PDB file of N, CA and C in Angstrom:
ATOM      1  N   UNK A   1       0.849  -1.181   0.000  1.00  0.00           N
ATOM      2  CA  UNK A   1       0.000   0.000   0.000  1.00  0.00           C
ATOM      3  C   UNK A   1       0.894   1.244   0.000  1.00  0.00           C
ATOM      4  N   UNK A   2       0.597   2.187  -0.853  1.00  0.00           N
ATOM      5  CA  UNK A   2       1.413   3.397  -0.936  1.00  0.00           C
ATOM      6  C   UNK A   2       1.095   4.359   0.212  1.00  0.00           C
ATOM      7  N   UNK A   3       2.080   5.182   0.505  1.00  0.00           N
ATOM      8  CA  UNK A   3       1.937   6.153   1.592  1.00  0.00           C
ATOM      9  C   UNK A   3       0.937   7.243   1.193  1.00  0.00           C
ATOM     10  N   UNK A   4       0.092   7.633   2.130  1.00  0.00           N
ATOM     11  CA  UNK A   4      -0.882   8.694   1.868  1.00  0.00           C
ATOM     12  C   UNK A   4      -0.153  10.025   1.726  1.00  0.00           C
ATOM     13  N   UNK A   5      -0.576  10.868   0.786  1.00  0.00           N
ATOM     14  CA  UNK A   5       0.092  12.170   0.623  1.00  0.00           C
ATOM     15  C   UNK A   5      -0.219  13.110   1.784  1.00  0.00           C
ATOM     16  N   UNK A   6       0.700  14.011   2.029  1.00  0.00           N
ATOM     17  CA  UNK A   6       0.442  15.082   2.997  1.00  0.00           C
ATOM     18  C   UNK A   6      -0.546  16.050   2.363  1.00  0.00           C
ATOM     19  N   UNK A   7      -1.370  16.670   3.181  1.00  0.00           N
ATOM     20  CA  UNK A   7      -2.370  17.620   2.690  1.00  0.00           C
ATOM     21  C   UNK A   7      -2.047  19.000   3.253  1.00  0.00           C
ATOM     22  N   UNK A   8      -1.948  19.964   2.353  1.00  0.00           N
ATOM     23  CA  UNK A   8      -1.704  21.364   2.730  1.00  0.00           C
ATOM     24  C   UNK A   8      -2.958  22.162   2.384  1.00  0.00           C
ATOM     25  N   UNK A   9      -3.415  22.956   3.333  1.00  0.00           N
ATOM     26  CA  UNK A   9      -4.590  23.805   3.147  1.00  0.00           C
ATOM     27  C   UNK A   9      -4.149  25.248   3.369  1.00  0.00           C
ATOM     28  N   UNK A  10      -4.430  26.113   2.388  1.00  0.00           N
ATOM     29  CA  UNK A  10      -4.008  27.516   2.459  1.00  0.00           C
ATOM     30  C   UNK A  10      -5.206  28.426   2.250  1.00  0.00           C
ATOM     31  N   UNK A  11      -5.291  29.479   3.040  1.00  0.00           N
ATOM     32  CA  UNK A  11      -6.335  30.490   2.850  1.00  0.00           C
ATOM     33  C   UNK A  11      -5.839  31.464   1.785  1.00  0.00           C
ATOM     34  N   UNK A  12      -6.532  31.501   0.642  1.00  0.00           N
ATOM     35  CA  UNK A  12      -6.038  32.267  -0.508  1.00  0.00           C
ATOM     36  C   UNK A  12      -6.897  33.470  -0.888  1.00  0.00           C
ATOM     37  N   UNK A  13      -8.128  33.543  -0.390  1.00  0.00           N
ATOM     38  CA  UNK A  13      -9.003  34.654  -0.774  1.00  0.00           C
ATOM     39  C   UNK A  13     -10.147  34.738   0.233  1.00  0.00           C
ATOM     40  N   UNK A  14     -10.883  35.837   0.163  1.00  0.00           N
ATOM     41  CA  UNK A  14     -12.052  36.052   1.023  1.00  0.00           C
ATOM     42  C   UNK A  14     -13.089  36.781   0.197  1.00  0.00           C
ATOM     43  N   UNK A  15     -14.306  36.293   0.184  1.00  0.00           N
ATOM     44  CA  UNK A  15     -15.381  36.883  -0.622  1.00  0.00           C
ATOM     45  C   UNK A  15     -16.361  37.696   0.208  1.00  0.00           C
ATOM     46  N   UNK A  16     -16.574  37.347   1.452  1.00  0.00           N
ATOM     47  CA  UNK A  16     -17.544  38.041   2.290  1.00  0.00           C
ATOM     48  C   UNK A  16     -16.979  39.308   2.895  1.00  0.00           C
ATOM     49  N   UNK A  17     -17.854  40.084   3.511  1.00  0.00           N
ATOM     50  CA  UNK A  17     -17.463  41.358   4.115  1.00  0.00           C
ATOM     51  C   UNK A  17     -17.065  41.237   5.582  1.00  0.00           C
ATOM     52  N   UNK A  18     -17.422  40.123   6.216  1.00  0.00           N
ATOM     53  CA  UNK A  18     -17.147  39.960   7.644  1.00  0.00           C
ATOM     54  C   UNK A  18     -15.708  39.555   7.920  1.00  0.00           C
ATOM     55  N   UNK A  19     -15.406  39.411   9.203  1.00  0.00           N
ATOM     56  CA  UNK A  19     -14.100  38.948   9.648  1.00  0.00           C
ATOM     57  C   UNK A  19     -14.242  37.512  10.110  1.00  0.00           C
ATOM     58  N   UNK A  20     -13.238  36.709   9.842  1.00  0.00           N
ATOM     59  CA  UNK A  20     -13.257  35.310  10.242  1.00  0.00           C
ATOM     60  C   UNK A  20     -13.401  35.203  11.757  1.00  0.00           C
ATOM     61  N   UNK A  21     -14.382  34.458  12.201  1.00  0.00           N
ATOM     62  CA  UNK A  21     -14.649  34.296  13.627  1.00  0.00           C
ATOM     63  C   UNK A  21     -13.553  33.491  14.327  1.00  0.00           C
ATOM     64  N   UNK A  22     -12.769  32.764  13.540  1.00  0.00           N
ATOM     65  CA  UNK A  22     -11.686  31.953  14.101  1.00  0.00           C
ATOM     66  C   UNK A  22     -10.340  32.684  14.000  1.00  0.00           C
ATOM     67  N   UNK A  23     -10.334  33.836  13.306  1.00  0.00           N
ATOM     68  CA  UNK A  23      -9.124  34.636  13.201  1.00  0.00           C
ATOM     69  C   UNK A  23      -8.228  34.311  12.020  1.00  0.00           C
ATOM     70  N   UNK A  24      -8.710  33.472  11.081  1.00  0.00           N
ATOM     71  CA  UNK A  24      -7.890  33.154   9.905  1.00  0.00           C
ATOM     72  C   UNK A  24      -7.742  34.372   9.008  1.00  0.00           C
ATOM     73  N   UNK A  25      -6.581  34.456   8.368  1.00  0.00           N
ATOM     74  CA  UNK A  25      -6.288  35.548   7.434  1.00  0.00           C
ATOM     75  C   UNK A  25      -5.688  34.971   6.162  1.00  0.00           C
ATOM     76  N   UNK A  26      -5.852  35.684   5.047  1.00  0.00           N
ATOM     77  CA  UNK A  26      -5.266  35.264   3.781  1.00  0.00           C
ATOM     78  C   UNK A  26      -3.765  35.068   3.993  1.00  0.00           C
ATOM     79  N   UNK A  27      -3.267  33.950   3.506  1.00  0.00           N
ATOM     80  CA  UNK A  27      -1.859  33.597   3.667  1.00  0.00           C
ATOM     81  C   UNK A  27      -1.633  32.518   4.713  1.00  0.00           C
ATOM     82  N   UNK A  28      -2.615  32.281   5.593  1.00  0.00           N
ATOM     83  CA  UNK A  28      -2.483  31.211   6.578  1.00  0.00           C
ATOM     84  C   UNK A  28      -2.410  29.868   5.866  1.00  0.00           C
ATOM     85  N   UNK A  29      -1.549  28.983   6.348  1.00  0.00           N
ATOM     86  CA  UNK A  29      -1.455  27.625   5.800  1.00  0.00           C
ATOM     87  C   UNK A  29      -1.512  26.619   6.944  1.00  0.00           C
ATOM     88  N   UNK A  30      -1.997  25.434   6.617  1.00  0.00           N
ATOM     89  CA  UNK A  30      -2.172  24.381   7.612  1.00  0.00           C
ATOM     90  C   UNK A  30      -1.733  23.041   7.036  1.00  0.00           C
ATOM     91  N   UNK A  31      -0.949  22.298   7.809  1.00  0.00           N
ATOM     92  CA  UNK A  31      -0.609  20.915   7.491  1.00  0.00           C
ATOM     93  C   UNK A  31      -1.690  20.065   8.164  1.00  0.00           C
ATOM     94  N   UNK A  32      -2.444  19.330   7.369  1.00  0.00           N
ATOM     95  CA  UNK A  32      -3.568  18.573   7.923  1.00  0.00           C
ATOM     96  C   UNK A  32      -3.129  17.611   9.023  1.00  0.00           C
ATOM     97  N   UNK A  33      -1.975  16.959   8.849  1.00  0.00           N
ATOM     98  CA  UNK A  33      -1.533  15.963   9.825  1.00  0.00           C
ATOM     99  C   UNK A  33      -1.139  16.563  11.166  1.00  0.00           C
ATOM    100  N   UNK A  34      -0.538  17.747  11.151  1.00  0.00           N
ATOM    101  CA  UNK A  34      -0.006  18.299  12.404  1.00  0.00           C
ATOM    102  C   UNK A  34      -0.753  19.520  12.919  1.00  0.00           C
ATOM    103  N   UNK A  35      -1.589  20.151  12.069  1.00  0.00           N
ATOM    104  CA  UNK A  35      -2.245  21.393  12.477  1.00  0.00           C
ATOM    105  C   UNK A  35      -3.751  21.394  12.270  1.00  0.00           C
ATOM    106  N   UNK A  36      -4.341  20.249  12.097  1.00  0.00           N
ATOM    107  CA  UNK A  36      -5.781  20.230  11.797  1.00  0.00           C
ATOM    108  C   UNK A  36      -6.616  20.870  12.885  1.00  0.00           C
ATOM    109  N   UNK A  37      -6.176  20.852  14.123  1.00  0.00           N
ATOM    110  CA  UNK A  37      -6.911  21.472  15.210  1.00  0.00           C
ATOM    111  C   UNK A  37      -6.893  22.985  15.169  1.00  0.00           C
ATOM    112  N   UNK A  38      -6.015  23.563  14.367  1.00  0.00           N
ATOM    113  CA  UNK A  38      -5.930  25.014  14.245  1.00  0.00           C
ATOM    114  C   UNK A  38      -6.861  25.558  13.162  1.00  0.00           C
ATOM    115  N   UNK A  39      -7.357  24.677  12.317  1.00  0.00           N
ATOM    116  CA  UNK A  39      -8.270  25.086  11.255  1.00  0.00           C
ATOM    117  C   UNK A  39      -9.688  25.141  11.811  1.00  0.00           C
ATOM    118  N   UNK A  40     -10.386  26.220  11.529  1.00  0.00           N
ATOM    119  CA  UNK A  40     -11.762  26.413  11.981  1.00  0.00           C
ATOM    120  C   UNK A  40     -12.610  25.176  11.684  1.00  0.00           C
ATOM    121  N   UNK A  41     -13.449  24.810  12.618  1.00  0.00           N
ATOM    122  CA  UNK A  41     -14.267  23.605  12.437  1.00  0.00           C
ATOM    123  C   UNK A  41     -15.252  23.742  11.277  1.00  0.00           C
ATOM    124  N   UNK A  42     -15.696  24.963  10.976  1.00  0.00           N
ATOM    125  CA  UNK A  42     -16.599  25.153   9.829  1.00  0.00           C
ATOM    126  C   UNK A  42     -15.863  24.865   8.525  1.00  0.00           C
ATOM    127  N   UNK A  43     -14.622  25.341   8.409  1.00  0.00           N
ATOM    128  CA  UNK A  43     -13.812  25.069   7.215  1.00  0.00           C
ATOM    129  C   UNK A  43     -13.440  23.587   7.161  1.00  0.00           C
ATOM    130  N   UNK A  44     -13.101  23.020   8.303  1.00  0.00           N
ATOM    131  CA  UNK A  44     -12.713  21.611   8.357  1.00  0.00           C
ATOM    132  C   UNK A  44     -13.863  20.714   7.922  1.00  0.00           C
ATOM    133  N   UNK A  45     -15.072  21.083   8.301  1.00  0.00           N
ATOM    134  CA  UNK A  45     -16.253  20.309   7.916  1.00  0.00           C
ATOM    135  C   UNK A  45     -16.386  20.234   6.390  1.00  0.00           C
ATOM    136  N   UNK A  46     -16.098  21.330   5.720  1.00  0.00           N
ATOM    137  CA  UNK A  46     -16.168  21.362   4.259  1.00  0.00           C
ATOM    138  C   UNK A  46     -14.955  20.654   3.650  1.00  0.00           C
ATOM    139  N   UNK A  47     -13.781  20.836   4.256  1.00  0.00           N
ATOM    140  CA  UNK A  47     -12.535  20.303   3.703  1.00  0.00           C
ATOM    141  C   UNK A  47     -12.437  18.784   3.786  1.00  0.00           C
ATOM    142  N   UNK A  48     -13.000  18.180   4.830  1.00  0.00           N
ATOM    143  CA  UNK A  48     -12.733  16.771   5.075  1.00  0.00           C
ATOM    144  C   UNK A  48     -13.068  15.841   3.901  1.00  0.00           C
ATOM    145  N   UNK A  49     -14.203  15.972   3.230  1.00  0.00           N
ATOM    146  CA  UNK A  49     -14.440  15.075   2.086  1.00  0.00           C
ATOM    147  C   UNK A  49     -13.371  15.217   1.001  1.00  0.00           C
ATOM    148  N   UNK A  50     -12.892  16.432   0.780  1.00  0.00           N
ATOM    149  CA  UNK A  50     -11.839  16.648  -0.212  1.00  0.00           C
ATOM    150  C   UNK A  50     -10.532  15.999   0.241  1.00  0.00           C
ATOM    151  N   UNK A  51     -10.223  16.126   1.518  1.00  0.00           N
ATOM    152  CA  UNK A  51      -9.020  15.506   2.071  1.00  0.00           C
ATOM    153  C   UNK A  51      -9.094  13.996   1.879  1.00  0.00           C
ATOM    154  N   UNK A  52     -10.231  13.427   2.190  1.00  0.00           N
ATOM    155  CA  UNK A  52     -10.425  11.989   2.057  1.00  0.00           C
ATOM    156  C   UNK A  52     -10.226  11.540   0.610  1.00  0.00           C
ATOM    157  N   UNK A  53     -10.780  12.270  -0.328  1.00  0.00           N
ATOM    158  CA  UNK A  53     -10.633  11.944  -1.746  1.00  0.00           C
ATOM    159  C   UNK A  53      -9.158  11.971  -2.138  1.00  0.00           C
ATOM    160  N   UNK A  54      -8.442  13.030  -1.760  1.00  0.00           N
ATOM    161  CA  UNK A  54      -7.026  13.152  -2.109  1.00  0.00           C
ATOM    162  C   UNK A  54      -6.179  12.078  -1.432  1.00  0.00           C
ATOM    163  N   UNK A  55      -6.470  11.776  -0.186  1.00  0.00           N
ATOM    164  CA  UNK A  55      -5.695  10.791   0.562  1.00  0.00           C
ATOM    165  C   UNK A  55      -5.785   9.397  -0.058  1.00  0.00           C
ATOM    166  N   UNK A  56      -6.894   9.091  -0.696  1.00  0.00           N
ATOM    167  CA  UNK A  56      -7.071   7.753  -1.240  1.00  0.00           C
ATOM    168  C   UNK A  56      -6.965   7.710  -2.761  1.00  0.00           C
ATOM    169  N   UNK A  57      -6.246   8.692  -3.329  1.00  0.00           N
ATOM    170  CA  UNK A  57      -5.891   8.636  -4.743  1.00  0.00           C
ATOM    171  C   UNK A  57      -6.873   9.255  -5.712  1.00  0.00           C
ATOM    172  N   UNK A  58      -7.934   9.879  -5.216  1.00  0.00           N
ATOM    173  CA  UNK A  58      -8.899  10.506  -6.116  1.00  0.00           C
ATOM    174  C   UNK A  58      -8.437  11.870  -6.586  1.00  0.00           C
ATOM    175  N   UNK A  59      -9.186  12.430  -7.486  1.00  0.00           N
ATOM    176  CA  UNK A  59      -8.880  13.757  -8.011  1.00  0.00           C
ATOM    177  C   UNK A  59     -10.055  14.684  -7.783  1.00  0.00           C
ATOM    178  N   UNK A  60      -9.746  15.940  -7.544  1.00  0.00           N
ATOM    179  CA  UNK A  60     -10.771  16.956  -7.333  1.00  0.00           C
ATOM    180  C   UNK A  60     -10.867  17.846  -8.556  1.00  0.00           C
ATOM    181  N   UNK A  61     -12.023  18.470  -8.774  1.00  0.00           N
ATOM    182  CA  UNK A  61     -12.132  19.431  -9.869  1.00  0.00           C
ATOM    183  C   UNK A  61     -11.182  20.600  -9.621  1.00  0.00           C
ATOM    184  N   UNK A  62     -10.594  21.099 -10.690  1.00  0.00           N
ATOM    185  CA  UNK A  62      -9.652  22.213 -10.588  1.00  0.00           C
ATOM    186  C   UNK A  62     -10.217  23.434 -11.294  1.00  0.00           C
ATOM    187  N   UNK A  63      -9.803  24.625 -10.818  1.00  0.00           N
ATOM    188  CA  UNK A  63     -10.218  25.841 -11.509  1.00  0.00           C
ATOM    189  C   UNK A  63      -9.336  26.051 -12.735  1.00  0.00           C
ATOM    190  N   UNK A  64      -9.509  27.140 -13.424  1.00  0.00           N
ATOM    191  CA  UNK A  64      -8.760  27.383 -14.658  1.00  0.00           C
ATOM    192  C   UNK A  64      -7.258  27.530 -14.415  1.00  0.00           C
ATOM    193  N   UNK A  65      -6.843  27.809 -13.189  1.00  0.00           N
ATOM    194  CA  UNK A  65      -5.426  27.904 -12.847  1.00  0.00           C
ATOM    195  C   UNK A  65      -4.861  26.574 -12.355  1.00  0.00           C
ATOM    196  N   UNK A  66      -5.680  25.527 -12.371  1.00  0.00           N
ATOM    197  CA  UNK A  66      -5.229  24.218 -11.927  1.00  0.00           C
ATOM    198  C   UNK A  66      -5.248  24.037 -10.425  1.00  0.00           C
ATOM    199  N   UNK A  67      -5.930  24.934  -9.718  1.00  0.00           N
ATOM    200  CA  UNK A  67      -5.995  24.850  -8.256  1.00  0.00           C
ATOM    201  C   UNK A  67      -7.292  24.173  -7.826  1.00  0.00           C
ATOM    202  N   UNK A  68      -7.230  23.521  -6.673  1.00  0.00           N
ATOM    203  CA  UNK A  68      -8.418  22.907  -6.070  1.00  0.00           C
ATOM    204  C   UNK A  68      -8.826  23.805  -4.911  1.00  0.00           C
ATOM    205  N   UNK A  69      -9.984  24.450  -5.042  1.00  0.00           N
ATOM    206  CA  UNK A  69     -10.436  25.429  -4.055  1.00  0.00           C
ATOM    207  C   UNK A  69     -11.752  24.995  -3.419  1.00  0.00           C
ATOM    208  N   UNK A  70     -11.954  25.448  -2.178  1.00  0.00           N
ATOM    209  CA  UNK A  70     -13.239  25.276  -1.506  1.00  0.00           C
ATOM    210  C   UNK A  70     -13.453  26.479  -0.592  1.00  0.00           C
ATOM    211  N   UNK A  71     -14.696  26.707  -0.210  1.00  0.00           N
ATOM    212  CA  UNK A  71     -15.037  27.832   0.675  1.00  0.00           C
ATOM    213  C   UNK A  71     -15.547  27.309   2.007  1.00  0.00           C
ATOM    214  N   UNK A  72     -15.292  28.090   3.054  1.00  0.00           N
ATOM    215  CA  UNK A  72     -15.885  27.748   4.344  1.00  0.00           C
ATOM    216  C   UNK A  72     -17.386  28.032   4.258  1.00  0.00           C
ATOM    217  N   UNK A  73     -18.102  27.542   5.215  1.00  0.00           N
ATOM    218  CA  UNK A  73     -19.561  27.663   5.170  1.00  0.00           C
ATOM    219  C   UNK A  73     -20.095  28.891   5.897  1.00  0.00           C
ATOM    220  N   UNK A  74     -19.218  29.785   6.331  1.00  0.00           N
ATOM    221  CA  UNK A  74     -19.653  30.995   7.034  1.00  0.00           C
ATOM    222  C   UNK A  74     -20.037  32.061   6.010  1.00  0.00           C
ATOM    223  N   UNK A  75     -21.309  32.300   5.836  1.00  0.00           N
ATOM    224  CA  UNK A  75     -21.818  33.200   4.800  1.00  0.00           C
ATOM    225  C   UNK A  75     -21.356  34.645   4.990  1.00  0.00           C
ATOM    226  N   UNK A  76     -21.026  35.041   6.212  1.00  0.00           N
ATOM    227  CA  UNK A  76     -20.566  36.407   6.463  1.00  0.00           C
ATOM    228  C   UNK A  76     -19.115  36.620   6.054  1.00  0.00           C
ATOM    229  N   UNK A  77     -18.357  35.539   5.963  1.00  0.00           N
ATOM    230  CA  UNK A  77     -16.921  35.642   5.704  1.00  0.00           C
ATOM    231  C   UNK A  77     -16.546  35.078   4.335  1.00  0.00           C
ATOM    232  N   UNK A  78     -16.953  33.852   4.066  1.00  0.00           N
ATOM    233  CA  UNK A  78     -16.661  33.118   2.835  1.00  0.00           C
ATOM    234  C   UNK A  78     -15.158  33.109   2.543  1.00  0.00           C
ATOM    235  N   UNK A  79     -14.400  32.483   3.435  1.00  0.00           N
ATOM    236  CA  UNK A  79     -12.973  32.285   3.198  1.00  0.00           C
ATOM    237  C   UNK A  79     -12.798  31.237   2.100  1.00  0.00           C
ATOM    238  N   UNK A  80     -11.856  31.483   1.195  1.00  0.00           N
ATOM    239  CA  UNK A  80     -11.556  30.569   0.101  1.00  0.00           C
ATOM    240  C   UNK A  80     -10.224  29.891   0.393  1.00  0.00           C
ATOM    241  N   UNK A  81     -10.254  28.570   0.434  1.00  0.00           N
ATOM    242  CA  UNK A  81      -9.063  27.776   0.742  1.00  0.00           C
ATOM    243  C   UNK A  81      -8.612  26.997  -0.491  1.00  0.00           C
ATOM    244  N   UNK A  82      -7.301  26.841  -0.605  1.00  0.00           N
ATOM    245  CA  UNK A  82      -6.719  25.968  -1.625  1.00  0.00           C
ATOM    246  C   UNK A  82      -6.261  24.706  -0.907  1.00  0.00           C
ATOM    247  N   UNK A  83      -6.514  23.562  -1.506  1.00  0.00           N
ATOM    248  CA  UNK A  83      -6.103  22.293  -0.922  1.00  0.00           C
ATOM    249  C   UNK A  83      -5.154  21.610  -1.885  1.00  0.00           C
ATOM    250  N   UNK A  84      -4.058  21.088  -1.336  1.00  0.00           N
ATOM    251  CA  UNK A  84      -3.035  20.442  -2.165  1.00  0.00           C
ATOM    252  C   UNK A  84      -2.623  19.129  -1.538  1.00  0.00           C
ATOM    253  N   UNK A  85      -2.415  18.130  -2.386  1.00  0.00           N
ATOM    254  CA  UNK A  85      -1.822  16.861  -1.952  1.00  0.00           C
ATOM    255  C   UNK A  85      -0.342  16.959  -2.303  1.00  0.00           C
ATOM    256  N   UNK A  86       0.518  16.820  -1.286  1.00  0.00           N
ATOM    257  CA  UNK A  86       1.963  16.909  -1.481  1.00  0.00           C
ATOM    258  C   UNK A  86       2.558  15.515  -1.440  1.00  0.00           C
ATOM    259  N   UNK A  87       3.476  15.252  -2.320  1.00  0.00           N
ATOM    260  CA  UNK A  87       4.142  13.938  -2.355  1.00  0.00           C
ATOM    261  C   UNK A  87       5.228  13.864  -1.315  1.00  0.00           C
TER     262      UNK A  87
END
């Protein structure tokens, strides 16, 4: 069985007018294996299915720049995260 890839999650944009209730800011990055507790639970709830797909060899839809993005579920903030599987 091959080793599962490391997962990196980065906050890359913000669409809403509010401030993140967890204090995240654009440029924050998280290593899923060692820092998952630092990522807001609302963002983590959205991220987990994507993490699972990447960990087990699946592929996610990419935007026109080849990035895999998702948004947190906080309608006042709408933080945009990039998720990457690192070898």
